[in-house]
């Protein structure tokens, strides 16, 4: 296990201590949970950014698109017994 020291300003330390007391959790537990959630969020954001760029590059190379009508028709099936897969070009 790795150990990490983090300097907190007085206000954040106060808030963390108060939350730890209210939830009966240690400050370390709460800080670890917060870091895990933040890192997961940022990893997801980075993945989505890379996917968006890859899709944009694909569009620039091929010019392939799906019509708004095709997308709307697909979305209209969501949650129904006849839900369709995403339309493909």
N, C-alpha and C. Protein backbone atom coordinates (compact mmCIF):
# COMPACT_ATOMS: atom_id res chain seq x y z
N UNK A 1 0.84 -1.20 0.00
CA UNK A 1 0.00 0.00 0.00
C UNK A 1 0.87 1.24 0.00
N UNK A 2 0.49 2.18 -0.81
CA UNK A 2 1.22 3.44 -0.87
C UNK A 2 0.58 4.45 0.07
N UNK A 3 1.40 5.32 0.56
CA UNK A 3 0.92 6.37 1.46
C UNK A 3 1.08 7.69 0.73
N UNK A 4 0.11 8.56 0.86
CA UNK A 4 0.13 9.86 0.19
C UNK A 4 -0.21 10.93 1.21
N UNK A 5 0.61 11.94 1.26
CA UNK A 5 0.32 13.07 2.12
C UNK A 5 -0.29 14.19 1.30
N UNK A 6 -1.37 14.77 1.78
CA UNK A 6 -2.04 15.86 1.06
C UNK A 6 -2.22 17.02 2.01
N UNK A 7 -1.83 18.19 1.57
CA UNK A 7 -2.01 19.39 2.39
C UNK A 7 -3.39 19.99 2.09
N UNK A 8 -4.16 20.19 3.14
CA UNK A 8 -5.49 20.77 3.00
C UNK A 8 -5.50 22.14 3.63
N UNK A 9 -6.27 23.05 3.04
CA UNK A 9 -6.42 24.34 3.71
C UNK A 9 -7.34 24.14 4.91
N UNK A 10 -7.39 25.11 5.78
CA UNK A 10 -8.13 24.98 7.04
C UNK A 10 -9.61 24.69 6.82
N UNK A 11 -10.22 25.35 5.83
CA UNK A 11 -11.65 25.16 5.58
C UNK A 11 -11.95 23.74 5.10
N UNK A 12 -11.14 23.23 4.18
CA UNK A 12 -11.36 21.87 3.69
C UNK A 12 -11.12 20.85 4.80
N UNK A 13 -10.13 21.08 5.62
CA UNK A 13 -9.85 20.19 6.76
C UNK A 13 -11.04 20.19 7.72
N UNK A 14 -11.62 21.37 7.97
CA UNK A 14 -12.76 21.47 8.87
C UNK A 14 -13.95 20.70 8.30
N UNK A 15 -14.21 20.88 7.01
CA UNK A 15 -15.33 20.20 6.37
C UNK A 15 -15.12 18.68 6.37
N UNK A 16 -13.91 18.25 6.08
CA UNK A 16 -13.62 16.82 6.08
C UNK A 16 -13.80 16.23 7.47
N UNK A 17 -13.30 16.91 8.48
CA UNK A 17 -13.43 16.43 9.85
C UNK A 17 -14.91 16.36 10.26
N UNK A 18 -15.68 17.38 9.88
CA UNK A 18 -17.10 17.39 10.22
C UNK A 18 -17.84 16.23 9.54
N UNK A 19 -17.54 16.00 8.29
CA UNK A 19 -18.19 14.91 7.57
C UNK A 19 -17.78 13.56 8.15
N UNK A 20 -16.52 13.42 8.50
CA UNK A 20 -16.06 12.17 9.11
C UNK A 20 -16.80 11.90 10.41
N UNK A 21 -17.00 12.95 11.19
CA UNK A 21 -17.72 12.79 12.46
C UNK A 21 -19.18 12.41 12.22
N UNK A 22 -19.83 13.10 11.28
CA UNK A 22 -21.24 12.83 10.98
C UNK A 22 -21.46 11.43 10.43
N UNK A 23 -20.54 10.98 9.60
CA UNK A 23 -20.72 9.68 8.94
C UNK A 23 -20.05 8.53 9.70
N UNK A 24 -19.33 8.89 10.76
CA UNK A 24 -18.59 7.90 11.55
C UNK A 24 -17.61 7.12 10.68
N UNK A 25 -16.97 7.86 9.79
CA UNK A 25 -15.93 7.31 8.92
C UNK A 25 -14.65 8.09 9.21
N UNK A 26 -13.53 7.48 8.89
CA UNK A 26 -12.27 8.20 9.09
C UNK A 26 -12.07 9.21 7.97
N UNK A 27 -11.27 10.23 8.26
CA UNK A 27 -10.95 11.21 7.25
C UNK A 27 -10.21 10.53 6.10
N UNK A 28 -9.36 9.58 6.40
CA UNK A 28 -8.62 8.86 5.36
C UNK A 28 -9.57 8.11 4.45
N UNK A 29 -10.58 7.46 5.02
CA UNK A 29 -11.55 6.73 4.23
C UNK A 29 -12.27 7.67 3.28
N UNK A 30 -12.74 8.80 3.80
CA UNK A 30 -13.46 9.77 2.98
C UNK A 30 -12.57 10.35 1.88
N UNK A 31 -11.33 10.65 2.21
CA UNK A 31 -10.41 11.20 1.22
C UNK A 31 -10.14 10.18 0.12
N UNK A 32 -9.96 8.92 0.50
CA UNK A 32 -9.73 7.86 -0.48
C UNK A 32 -10.94 7.70 -1.40
N UNK A 33 -12.14 7.70 -0.81
CA UNK A 33 -13.37 7.60 -1.60
C UNK A 33 -13.49 8.77 -2.58
N UNK A 34 -13.18 9.97 -2.11
CA UNK A 34 -13.26 11.15 -2.96
C UNK A 34 -12.27 11.05 -4.11
N UNK A 35 -11.05 10.61 -3.83
CA UNK A 35 -10.05 10.45 -4.88
C UNK A 35 -10.47 9.40 -5.89
N UNK A 36 -11.00 8.29 -5.42
CA UNK A 36 -11.44 7.23 -6.34
C UNK A 36 -12.53 7.75 -7.27
N UNK A 37 -13.50 8.45 -6.72
CA UNK A 37 -14.59 8.99 -7.54
C UNK A 37 -14.08 10.02 -8.53
N UNK A 38 -13.19 10.89 -8.07
CA UNK A 38 -12.65 11.93 -8.95
C UNK A 38 -11.84 11.31 -10.07
N UNK A 39 -10.99 10.36 -9.74
CA UNK A 39 -10.15 9.73 -10.76
C UNK A 39 -11.02 8.97 -11.76
N UNK A 40 -12.03 8.27 -11.29
CA UNK A 40 -12.94 7.57 -12.20
C UNK A 40 -13.64 8.57 -13.13
N UNK A 41 -14.09 9.67 -12.59
CA UNK A 41 -14.75 10.71 -13.39
C UNK A 41 -13.80 11.26 -14.45
N UNK A 42 -12.58 11.55 -14.07
CA UNK A 42 -11.61 12.10 -15.01
C UNK A 42 -11.19 11.07 -16.05
N UNK A 43 -11.07 9.81 -15.66
CA UNK A 43 -10.77 8.76 -16.63
C UNK A 43 -11.89 8.63 -17.65
N UNK A 44 -13.13 8.69 -17.18
CA UNK A 44 -14.28 8.63 -18.08
C UNK A 44 -14.27 9.82 -19.02
N UNK A 45 -14.02 11.00 -18.49
CA UNK A 45 -13.98 12.21 -19.30
C UNK A 45 -12.90 12.10 -20.38
N UNK A 46 -11.73 11.58 -20.00
CA UNK A 46 -10.63 11.42 -20.96
C UNK A 46 -10.98 10.39 -22.02
N UNK A 47 -11.59 9.28 -21.60
CA UNK A 47 -12.02 8.25 -22.56
C UNK A 47 -13.02 8.85 -23.56
N UNK A 48 -13.99 9.59 -23.06
CA UNK A 48 -15.00 10.19 -23.93
C UNK A 48 -14.37 11.22 -24.87
N UNK A 49 -13.39 11.96 -24.39
CA UNK A 49 -12.69 12.93 -25.23
C UNK A 49 -11.97 12.22 -26.37
N UNK A 50 -11.27 11.13 -26.05
CA UNK A 50 -10.56 10.37 -27.09
C UNK A 50 -11.54 9.77 -28.09
N UNK A 51 -12.67 9.25 -27.60
CA UNK A 51 -13.69 8.69 -28.49
C UNK A 51 -14.25 9.75 -29.42
N UNK A 52 -14.52 10.92 -28.88
CA UNK A 52 -15.05 12.02 -29.69
C UNK A 52 -14.06 12.40 -30.78
N UNK A 53 -12.78 12.52 -30.41
CA UNK A 53 -11.77 12.88 -31.40
C UNK A 53 -11.65 11.79 -32.47
N UNK A 54 -11.71 10.53 -32.07
CA UNK A 54 -11.62 9.43 -33.03
C UNK A 54 -12.82 9.47 -33.99
N UNK A 55 -14.00 9.75 -33.47
CA UNK A 55 -15.18 9.84 -34.32
C UNK A 55 -15.07 11.02 -35.29
N UNK A 56 -14.56 12.13 -34.80
CA UNK A 56 -14.38 13.31 -35.64
C UNK A 56 -13.38 13.01 -36.76
N UNK A 57 -12.26 12.36 -36.41
CA UNK A 57 -11.28 11.99 -37.43
C UNK A 57 -11.88 11.03 -38.45
N UNK A 58 -12.68 10.08 -37.98
CA UNK A 58 -13.34 9.14 -38.89
C UNK A 58 -14.27 9.90 -39.84
N UNK A 59 -15.03 10.83 -39.31
CA UNK A 59 -15.92 11.63 -40.14
C UNK A 59 -15.12 12.43 -41.17
N UNK A 60 -14.03 13.04 -40.74
CA UNK A 60 -13.23 13.83 -41.67
C UNK A 60 -12.66 12.97 -42.79
N UNK A 61 -12.29 11.73 -42.48
CA UNK A 61 -11.73 10.83 -43.48
C UNK A 61 -12.79 10.27 -44.43
N UNK A 62 -13.98 9.97 -43.89
CA UNK A 62 -14.98 9.25 -44.68
C UNK A 62 -16.19 10.09 -45.06
N UNK A 63 -16.50 11.11 -44.29
CA UNK A 63 -17.70 11.90 -44.53
C UNK A 63 -18.97 11.17 -44.15
N UNK A 64 -18.85 9.99 -43.53
CA UNK A 64 -20.03 9.20 -43.16
C UNK A 64 -20.80 9.87 -42.02
N UNK A 65 -22.12 9.89 -42.19
CA UNK A 65 -23.00 10.43 -41.15
C UNK A 65 -24.27 9.59 -41.09
N UNK A 66 -25.02 9.78 -40.05
CA UNK A 66 -26.35 9.20 -39.93
C UNK A 66 -27.34 10.34 -39.92
N UNK A 67 -28.47 10.13 -40.54
CA UNK A 67 -29.46 11.21 -40.60
C UNK A 67 -30.12 11.39 -39.24
N UNK A 68 -30.59 12.60 -39.03
CA UNK A 68 -31.33 12.90 -37.80
C UNK A 68 -32.58 12.02 -37.73
N UNK A 69 -33.21 11.79 -38.87
CA UNK A 69 -34.41 10.96 -38.93
C UNK A 69 -34.12 9.53 -38.46
N UNK A 70 -32.99 8.97 -38.89
CA UNK A 70 -32.61 7.61 -38.49
C UNK A 70 -32.34 7.54 -36.99
N UNK A 71 -31.68 8.55 -36.47
CA UNK A 71 -31.38 8.58 -35.03
C UNK A 71 -32.66 8.72 -34.23
N UNK A 72 -33.54 9.63 -34.64
CA UNK A 72 -34.81 9.82 -33.93
C UNK A 72 -35.66 8.55 -33.95
N UNK A 73 -35.69 7.87 -35.09
CA UNK A 73 -36.46 6.63 -35.19
C UNK A 73 -35.89 5.58 -34.24
N UNK A 74 -34.59 5.51 -34.15
CA UNK A 74 -33.94 4.58 -33.22
C UNK A 74 -34.26 4.95 -31.77
N UNK A 75 -34.13 6.23 -31.44
CA UNK A 75 -34.40 6.66 -30.06
C UNK A 75 -35.86 6.41 -29.67
N UNK A 76 -36.76 6.50 -30.62
CA UNK A 76 -38.18 6.26 -30.34
C UNK A 76 -38.44 4.82 -29.92
N UNK A 77 -37.51 3.90 -30.23
CA UNK A 77 -37.70 2.49 -29.84
C UNK A 77 -37.17 2.20 -28.44
N UNK A 78 -36.43 3.11 -27.87
CA UNK A 78 -35.83 2.87 -26.56
C UNK A 78 -36.92 2.60 -25.52
N UNK A 79 -36.68 1.59 -24.71
CA UNK A 79 -37.61 1.26 -23.63
C UNK A 79 -38.84 0.51 -24.10
N UNK A 80 -38.90 0.18 -25.37
CA UNK A 80 -40.06 -0.55 -25.87
C UNK A 80 -39.67 -2.02 -26.09
N UNK A 81 -40.67 -2.83 -26.34
CA UNK A 81 -40.43 -4.25 -26.63
C UNK A 81 -39.68 -4.42 -27.96
N UNK A 82 -39.79 -3.42 -28.83
CA UNK A 82 -39.16 -3.48 -30.15
C UNK A 82 -37.90 -2.61 -30.23
N UNK A 83 -37.18 -2.48 -29.12
CA UNK A 83 -35.99 -1.63 -29.11
C UNK A 83 -35.01 -2.11 -30.18
N UNK A 84 -34.52 -1.17 -30.97
CA UNK A 84 -33.64 -1.47 -32.08
C UNK A 84 -32.19 -1.17 -31.73
N UNK A 85 -31.24 -1.84 -32.40
CA UNK A 85 -29.83 -1.48 -32.20
C UNK A 85 -29.54 -0.14 -32.87
N UNK A 86 -28.47 0.47 -32.47
CA UNK A 86 -28.06 1.76 -33.05
C UNK A 86 -27.89 1.58 -34.56
N UNK A 87 -28.47 2.51 -35.33
CA UNK A 87 -28.32 2.41 -36.78
C UNK A 87 -26.86 2.56 -37.19
N UNK A 88 -26.49 1.88 -38.24
CA UNK A 88 -25.12 1.96 -38.74
C UNK A 88 -25.15 2.39 -40.19
N UNK A 89 -24.11 3.00 -40.62
CA UNK A 89 -23.99 3.45 -42.01
C UNK A 89 -23.54 2.28 -42.85
